[in-house]
Amino acid sequence: MNECYGIPAEVIARICKVDVKTARRWKNGENRMPETARMILAGDLGAFDPAFSGWSLRNGKLISPEGWEASPGDVLSIQLTQAQLATARSENRALKEAMEAARGAHIEDQPIPSEVIPMEIGQRAR
């Protein structure tokens, strides 16, 4: 009963909204603790939605099953971060297209060097 270890029966009763006698029975193994009570005591958010099984809240942070932490501010900034990422991706795609277009220009389309610079060093362009 790792979920109950070190937690007084009174606290378990308050958190799980049960009588203290019920919490004591859970602690000493007389009665089996419901899975939702186990998840609540473990801080597992899967008790509220199966999609968040393994996620928890500790010290004001959302903790992923992998141990990644997110503060409330981090969570609130997700929309802004996604918008910035979408803009960066769009700009990157446009730059790639421009580079591909520049690479695709044929050599024949380029001016002949003698038209741009003098044939000999020191000779003036006319």
N, C-alpha and C. Protein backbone atom coordinates (compact mmCIF):
# COMPACT_ATOMS: atom_id res chain seq x y z
N MET A 1 0.84 -1.19 0.00
CA MET A 1 0.00 0.00 0.00
C MET A 1 0.88 1.25 0.00
N ASN A 2 1.70 1.39 -1.02
CA ASN A 2 2.59 2.55 -1.11
C ASN A 2 1.86 3.87 -1.03
N GLU A 3 0.64 3.92 -1.56
CA GLU A 3 -0.12 5.17 -1.59
C GLU A 3 -0.42 5.66 -0.18
N CYS A 4 -0.56 4.72 0.77
CA CYS A 4 -0.94 5.09 2.15
C CYS A 4 0.26 5.26 3.06
N TYR A 5 1.42 4.79 2.64
CA TYR A 5 2.57 4.81 3.53
C TYR A 5 2.91 6.24 3.95
N GLY A 6 2.94 6.44 5.24
CA GLY A 6 3.31 7.75 5.78
C GLY A 6 2.19 8.77 5.78
N ILE A 7 1.03 8.40 5.29
CA ILE A 7 -0.09 9.34 5.27
C ILE A 7 -1.05 8.94 6.40
N PRO A 8 -1.31 9.83 7.32
CA PRO A 8 -2.24 9.51 8.41
C PRO A 8 -3.64 9.18 7.87
N ALA A 9 -4.34 8.29 8.56
CA ALA A 9 -5.69 7.89 8.16
C ALA A 9 -6.61 9.09 8.06
N GLU A 10 -6.43 10.07 8.92
CA GLU A 10 -7.27 11.27 8.88
C GLU A 10 -7.09 12.04 7.57
N VAL A 11 -5.86 12.08 7.11
CA VAL A 11 -5.58 12.79 5.84
C VAL A 11 -6.16 12.00 4.67
N ILE A 12 -6.00 10.68 4.69
CA ILE A 12 -6.57 9.83 3.64
C ILE A 12 -8.09 10.03 3.59
N ALA A 13 -8.71 10.03 4.78
CA ALA A 13 -10.16 10.20 4.85
C ALA A 13 -10.58 11.55 4.27
N ARG A 14 -9.84 12.60 4.59
CA ARG A 14 -10.17 13.93 4.09
C ARG A 14 -10.00 14.01 2.57
N ILE A 15 -8.88 13.51 2.08
CA ILE A 15 -8.59 13.59 0.64
C ILE A 15 -9.58 12.75 -0.17
N CYS A 16 -9.86 11.54 0.32
CA CYS A 16 -10.72 10.61 -0.43
C CYS A 16 -12.20 10.72 -0.09
N LYS A 17 -12.51 11.65 0.84
CA LYS A 17 -13.91 11.89 1.23
C LYS A 17 -14.58 10.61 1.76
N VAL A 18 -13.87 9.93 2.69
CA VAL A 18 -14.41 8.74 3.34
C VAL A 18 -14.29 8.91 4.85
N ASP A 19 -14.93 8.03 5.58
CA ASP A 19 -14.85 8.02 7.03
C ASP A 19 -13.44 7.60 7.45
N VAL A 20 -12.98 8.08 8.59
CA VAL A 20 -11.65 7.73 9.09
C VAL A 20 -11.54 6.23 9.31
N LYS A 21 -12.62 5.59 9.74
CA LYS A 21 -12.59 4.13 9.95
C LYS A 21 -12.31 3.41 8.63
N THR A 22 -12.89 3.88 7.56
CA THR A 22 -12.65 3.30 6.23
C THR A 22 -11.19 3.48 5.84
N ALA A 23 -10.66 4.66 6.08
CA ALA A 23 -9.26 4.93 5.75
C ALA A 23 -8.34 4.02 6.56
N ARG A 24 -8.66 3.78 7.82
CA ARG A 24 -7.85 2.88 8.65
C ARG A 24 -7.90 1.45 8.12
N ARG A 25 -9.09 1.03 7.69
CA ARG A 25 -9.23 -0.32 7.12
C ARG A 25 -8.38 -0.46 5.85
N TRP A 26 -8.35 0.60 5.04
CA TRP A 26 -7.50 0.58 3.84
C TRP A 26 -6.04 0.45 4.24
N LYS A 27 -5.63 1.25 5.21
CA LYS A 27 -4.22 1.26 5.63
C LYS A 27 -3.77 -0.09 6.18
N ASN A 28 -4.62 -0.73 6.99
CA ASN A 28 -4.19 -2.00 7.59
C ASN A 28 -4.54 -3.21 6.73
N GLY A 29 -5.13 -2.97 5.54
CA GLY A 29 -5.38 -4.05 4.60
C GLY A 29 -6.66 -4.83 4.83
N GLU A 30 -7.51 -4.39 5.74
CA GLU A 30 -8.79 -5.08 5.99
C GLU A 30 -9.70 -5.00 4.77
N ASN A 31 -9.74 -3.82 4.17
CA ASN A 31 -10.56 -3.60 2.96
C ASN A 31 -9.64 -3.16 1.83
N ARG A 32 -10.06 -3.53 0.64
CA ARG A 32 -9.29 -3.13 -0.53
C ARG A 32 -9.65 -1.68 -0.90
N MET A 33 -8.62 -0.88 -1.11
CA MET A 33 -8.82 0.52 -1.49
C MET A 33 -9.27 0.58 -2.95
N PRO A 34 -10.30 1.37 -3.26
CA PRO A 34 -10.72 1.54 -4.66
C PRO A 34 -9.58 2.14 -5.50
N GLU A 35 -9.54 1.76 -6.75
CA GLU A 35 -8.48 2.22 -7.65
C GLU A 35 -8.44 3.74 -7.75
N THR A 36 -9.61 4.38 -7.78
CA THR A 36 -9.61 5.85 -7.88
C THR A 36 -9.00 6.48 -6.63
N ALA A 37 -9.28 5.92 -5.45
CA ALA A 37 -8.68 6.45 -4.22
C ALA A 37 -7.17 6.25 -4.26
N ARG A 38 -6.73 5.12 -4.78
CA ARG A 38 -5.30 4.83 -4.92
C ARG A 38 -4.64 5.86 -5.84
N MET A 39 -5.30 6.17 -6.95
CA MET A 39 -4.74 7.14 -7.90
C MET A 39 -4.72 8.54 -7.30
N ILE A 40 -5.79 8.88 -6.56
CA ILE A 40 -5.84 10.21 -5.94
C ILE A 40 -4.70 10.35 -4.93
N LEU A 41 -4.49 9.35 -4.11
CA LEU A 41 -3.41 9.42 -3.11
C LEU A 41 -2.03 9.43 -3.76
N ALA A 42 -1.91 8.76 -4.89
CA ALA A 42 -0.64 8.76 -5.62
C ALA A 42 -0.45 10.05 -6.42
N GLY A 43 -1.53 10.85 -6.51
CA GLY A 43 -1.46 12.09 -7.28
C GLY A 43 -1.60 11.84 -8.77
N ASP A 44 -2.09 10.65 -9.17
CA ASP A 44 -2.22 10.29 -10.58
C ASP A 44 -3.47 10.94 -11.16
N LEU A 45 -3.30 11.80 -12.17
CA LEU A 45 -4.43 12.50 -12.77
C LEU A 45 -5.31 11.58 -13.62
N GLY A 46 -4.89 10.34 -13.80
CA GLY A 46 -5.72 9.35 -14.48
C GLY A 46 -7.00 9.08 -13.72
N ALA A 47 -7.05 9.47 -12.46
CA ALA A 47 -8.28 9.32 -11.68
C ALA A 47 -9.38 10.21 -12.25
N PHE A 48 -9.01 11.27 -12.95
CA PHE A 48 -9.98 12.21 -13.50
C PHE A 48 -10.22 11.99 -14.98
N ASP A 49 -9.20 11.55 -15.70
CA ASP A 49 -9.33 11.30 -17.13
C ASP A 49 -8.26 10.28 -17.53
N PRO A 50 -8.66 9.16 -18.13
CA PRO A 50 -7.69 8.11 -18.48
C PRO A 50 -6.54 8.61 -19.38
N ALA A 51 -6.79 9.67 -20.14
CA ALA A 51 -5.73 10.21 -21.01
C ALA A 51 -4.55 10.73 -20.20
N PHE A 52 -4.79 11.06 -18.92
CA PHE A 52 -3.73 11.60 -18.06
C PHE A 52 -3.20 10.58 -17.07
N SER A 53 -3.42 9.31 -17.35
CA SER A 53 -2.89 8.26 -16.47
C SER A 53 -1.37 8.37 -16.42
N GLY A 54 -0.83 8.38 -15.23
CA GLY A 54 0.62 8.51 -15.06
C GLY A 54 1.07 9.95 -14.86
N TRP A 55 0.24 10.91 -15.18
CA TRP A 55 0.55 12.33 -14.96
C TRP A 55 0.19 12.67 -13.52
N SER A 56 0.91 13.61 -12.93
CA SER A 56 0.60 14.00 -11.55
C SER A 56 0.83 15.49 -11.35
N LEU A 57 0.33 15.98 -10.22
CA LEU A 57 0.56 17.36 -9.79
C LEU A 57 1.37 17.30 -8.51
N ARG A 58 2.52 17.98 -8.52
CA ARG A 58 3.37 18.06 -7.33
C ARG A 58 3.99 19.43 -7.24
N ASN A 59 3.87 20.02 -6.06
CA ASN A 59 4.49 21.32 -5.80
C ASN A 59 4.15 22.37 -6.85
N GLY A 60 2.90 22.39 -7.28
CA GLY A 60 2.45 23.40 -8.23
C GLY A 60 2.89 23.15 -9.66
N LYS A 61 3.36 21.93 -9.97
CA LYS A 61 3.81 21.62 -11.33
C LYS A 61 3.11 20.36 -11.83
N LEU A 62 2.85 20.35 -13.12
CA LEU A 62 2.32 19.19 -13.80
C LEU A 62 3.51 18.32 -14.18
N ILE A 63 3.49 17.05 -13.80
CA ILE A 63 4.62 16.15 -14.04
C ILE A 63 4.17 15.04 -15.01
N SER A 64 4.90 14.89 -16.11
CA SER A 64 4.56 13.85 -17.08
C SER A 64 5.08 12.50 -16.58
N PRO A 65 4.61 11.40 -17.17
CA PRO A 65 5.14 10.09 -16.77
C PRO A 65 6.65 9.98 -16.97
N GLU A 66 7.20 10.76 -17.90
CA GLU A 66 8.65 10.73 -18.15
C GLU A 66 9.43 11.63 -17.19
N GLY A 67 8.69 12.40 -16.37
CA GLY A 67 9.35 13.28 -15.41
C GLY A 67 9.48 14.73 -15.87
N TRP A 68 8.95 15.07 -17.03
CA TRP A 68 8.99 16.45 -17.49
C TRP A 68 8.07 17.28 -16.61
N GLU A 69 8.48 18.49 -16.27
CA GLU A 69 7.71 19.37 -15.40
C GLU A 69 7.22 20.59 -16.17
N ALA A 70 6.01 21.02 -15.84
CA ALA A 70 5.46 22.23 -16.46
C ALA A 70 4.73 23.03 -15.38
N SER A 71 5.07 24.30 -15.29
CA SER A 71 4.40 25.19 -14.35
C SER A 71 3.09 25.66 -15.00
N PRO A 72 2.20 26.28 -14.23
CA PRO A 72 0.99 26.83 -14.85
C PRO A 72 1.32 27.82 -15.98
N GLY A 73 2.37 28.63 -15.79
CA GLY A 73 2.78 29.56 -16.85
C GLY A 73 3.24 28.85 -18.11
N ASP A 74 3.95 27.72 -17.93
CA ASP A 74 4.38 26.93 -19.09
C ASP A 74 3.17 26.43 -19.87
N VAL A 75 2.18 25.94 -19.15
CA VAL A 75 0.97 25.42 -19.79
C VAL A 75 0.24 26.54 -20.52
N LEU A 76 0.14 27.70 -19.89
CA LEU A 76 -0.55 28.82 -20.52
C LEU A 76 0.18 29.33 -21.76
N SER A 77 1.48 29.16 -21.82
CA SER A 77 2.25 29.68 -22.96
C SER A 77 2.27 28.72 -24.15
N ILE A 78 1.67 27.56 -24.03
CA ILE A 78 1.70 26.57 -25.12
C ILE A 78 1.11 27.14 -26.40
N GLN A 79 -0.03 27.83 -26.31
CA GLN A 79 -0.67 28.38 -27.51
C GLN A 79 0.26 29.37 -28.23
N LEU A 80 0.89 30.25 -27.47
CA LEU A 80 1.81 31.23 -28.05
C LEU A 80 3.01 30.52 -28.69
N THR A 81 3.55 29.56 -28.00
CA THR A 81 4.71 28.82 -28.52
C THR A 81 4.35 28.10 -29.82
N GLN A 82 3.17 27.50 -29.88
CA GLN A 82 2.75 26.81 -31.10
C GLN A 82 2.56 27.80 -32.25
N ALA A 83 2.04 28.98 -31.97
CA ALA A 83 1.88 30.01 -33.01
C ALA A 83 3.24 30.47 -33.52
N GLN A 84 4.20 30.67 -32.60
CA GLN A 84 5.55 31.07 -33.00
C GLN A 84 6.21 29.99 -33.85
N LEU A 85 6.02 28.74 -33.45
CA LEU A 85 6.60 27.62 -34.19
C LEU A 85 5.98 27.52 -35.59
N ALA A 86 4.68 27.73 -35.70
CA ALA A 86 4.02 27.69 -37.01
C ALA A 86 4.56 28.79 -37.92
N THR A 87 4.77 29.98 -37.38
CA THR A 87 5.33 31.09 -38.16
C THR A 87 6.75 30.77 -38.61
N ALA A 88 7.56 30.25 -37.71
CA ALA A 88 8.94 29.89 -38.06
C ALA A 88 8.97 28.82 -39.15
N ARG A 89 8.09 27.83 -39.04
CA ARG A 89 8.03 26.77 -40.07
C ARG A 89 7.63 27.34 -41.42
N SER A 90 6.67 28.26 -41.42
CA SER A 90 6.21 28.87 -42.67
C SER A 90 7.34 29.68 -43.31
N GLU A 91 8.04 30.47 -42.49
CA GLU A 91 9.17 31.25 -43.01
C GLU A 91 10.28 30.35 -43.52
N ASN A 92 10.55 29.27 -42.82
CA ASN A 92 11.59 28.32 -43.23
C ASN A 92 11.22 27.68 -44.57
N ARG A 93 9.95 27.31 -44.72
CA ARG A 93 9.48 26.71 -45.97
C ARG A 93 9.64 27.70 -47.13
N ALA A 94 9.30 28.98 -46.91
CA ALA A 94 9.43 30.00 -47.95
C ALA A 94 10.90 30.20 -48.33
N LEU A 95 11.79 30.21 -47.35
CA LEU A 95 13.22 30.35 -47.64
C LEU A 95 13.75 29.16 -48.43
N LYS A 96 13.32 27.96 -48.08
CA LYS A 96 13.75 26.76 -48.82
C LYS A 96 13.28 26.83 -50.26
N GLU A 97 12.04 27.26 -50.46
CA GLU A 97 11.51 27.38 -51.82
C GLU A 97 12.30 28.41 -52.62
N ALA A 98 12.65 29.53 -51.99
CA ALA A 98 13.43 30.57 -52.67
C ALA A 98 14.82 30.05 -53.03
N MET A 99 15.43 29.28 -52.14
CA MET A 99 16.76 28.72 -52.43
C MET A 99 16.68 27.70 -53.55
N GLU A 100 15.64 26.88 -53.55
CA GLU A 100 15.47 25.90 -54.63
C GLU A 100 15.26 26.61 -55.97
N ALA A 101 14.50 27.69 -55.95
CA ALA A 101 14.27 28.45 -57.18
C ALA A 101 15.58 29.06 -57.67
N ALA A 102 16.40 29.57 -56.75
CA ALA A 102 17.68 30.16 -57.14
C ALA A 102 18.63 29.09 -57.69
N ARG A 103 18.62 27.90 -57.09
CA ARG A 103 19.46 26.81 -57.59
C ARG A 103 19.00 26.34 -58.96
N GLY A 104 17.71 26.45 -59.19
CA GLY A 104 17.14 25.97 -60.45
C GLY A 104 17.41 26.90 -61.62
N ALA A 105 17.90 28.11 -61.37
CA ALA A 105 18.21 29.04 -62.47
C ALA A 105 19.34 28.44 -63.31
N HIS A 106 19.17 28.49 -64.61
CA HIS A 106 20.16 27.88 -65.51
C HIS A 106 21.38 28.79 -65.65
N ILE A 107 22.49 28.14 -65.89
CA ILE A 107 23.74 28.88 -66.07
C ILE A 107 23.64 29.81 -67.26
N GLU A 108 22.89 29.40 -68.30
CA GLU A 108 22.74 30.25 -69.49
C GLU A 108 22.07 31.58 -69.15
N ASP A 109 21.27 31.58 -68.08
CA ASP A 109 20.57 32.79 -67.70
C ASP A 109 21.50 33.81 -67.03
N GLN A 110 22.72 33.38 -66.67
CA GLN A 110 23.65 34.26 -65.99
C GLN A 110 24.43 35.08 -67.02
N PRO A 111 24.81 36.31 -66.67
CA PRO A 111 25.56 37.12 -67.63
C PRO A 111 26.96 36.55 -67.87
N ILE A 112 27.48 36.77 -69.05
CA ILE A 112 28.84 36.34 -69.38
C ILE A 112 29.79 37.26 -68.61
N PRO A 113 30.82 36.70 -67.98
CA PRO A 113 31.73 37.53 -67.17
C PRO A 113 32.28 38.75 -67.92
N SER A 114 32.59 38.62 -69.22
CA SER A 114 33.16 39.76 -69.95
C SER A 114 32.16 40.90 -70.09
N GLU A 115 30.89 40.62 -69.96
CA GLU A 115 29.89 41.67 -70.02
C GLU A 115 29.81 42.45 -68.70
N VAL A 116 30.29 41.82 -67.65
CA VAL A 116 30.18 42.42 -66.34
C VAL A 116 31.49 43.06 -65.90
N ILE A 117 32.61 42.38 -66.13
CA ILE A 117 33.91 42.91 -65.73
C ILE A 117 34.82 43.01 -66.95
N PRO A 118 35.81 43.87 -66.90
CA PRO A 118 36.74 44.01 -68.04
C PRO A 118 37.51 42.73 -68.30
N MET A 119 37.95 42.54 -69.52
CA MET A 119 38.70 41.36 -69.91
C MET A 119 40.05 41.31 -69.22
N GLU A 120 40.72 42.43 -69.13
CA GLU A 120 42.03 42.45 -68.49
C GLU A 120 41.98 43.35 -67.27
N ILE A 121 42.80 43.01 -66.30
CA ILE A 121 42.86 43.84 -65.11
C ILE A 121 43.43 45.20 -65.52
N GLY A 122 42.81 46.26 -65.04
CA GLY A 122 43.26 47.60 -65.38
C GLY A 122 42.54 48.20 -66.55
N GLN A 123 41.90 47.38 -67.36
CA GLN A 123 41.15 47.90 -68.50
C GLN A 123 39.85 48.45 -67.99
N ARG A 124 39.46 49.58 -68.52
CA ARG A 124 38.22 50.21 -68.08
C ARG A 124 37.03 49.61 -68.80
N ALA A 125 35.96 49.45 -68.07
CA ALA A 125 34.73 48.97 -68.70
C ALA A 125 34.12 50.10 -69.50
N ARG A 126 33.57 49.81 -70.66
CA ARG A 126 33.01 50.85 -71.52
C ARG A 126 31.54 50.92 -71.42
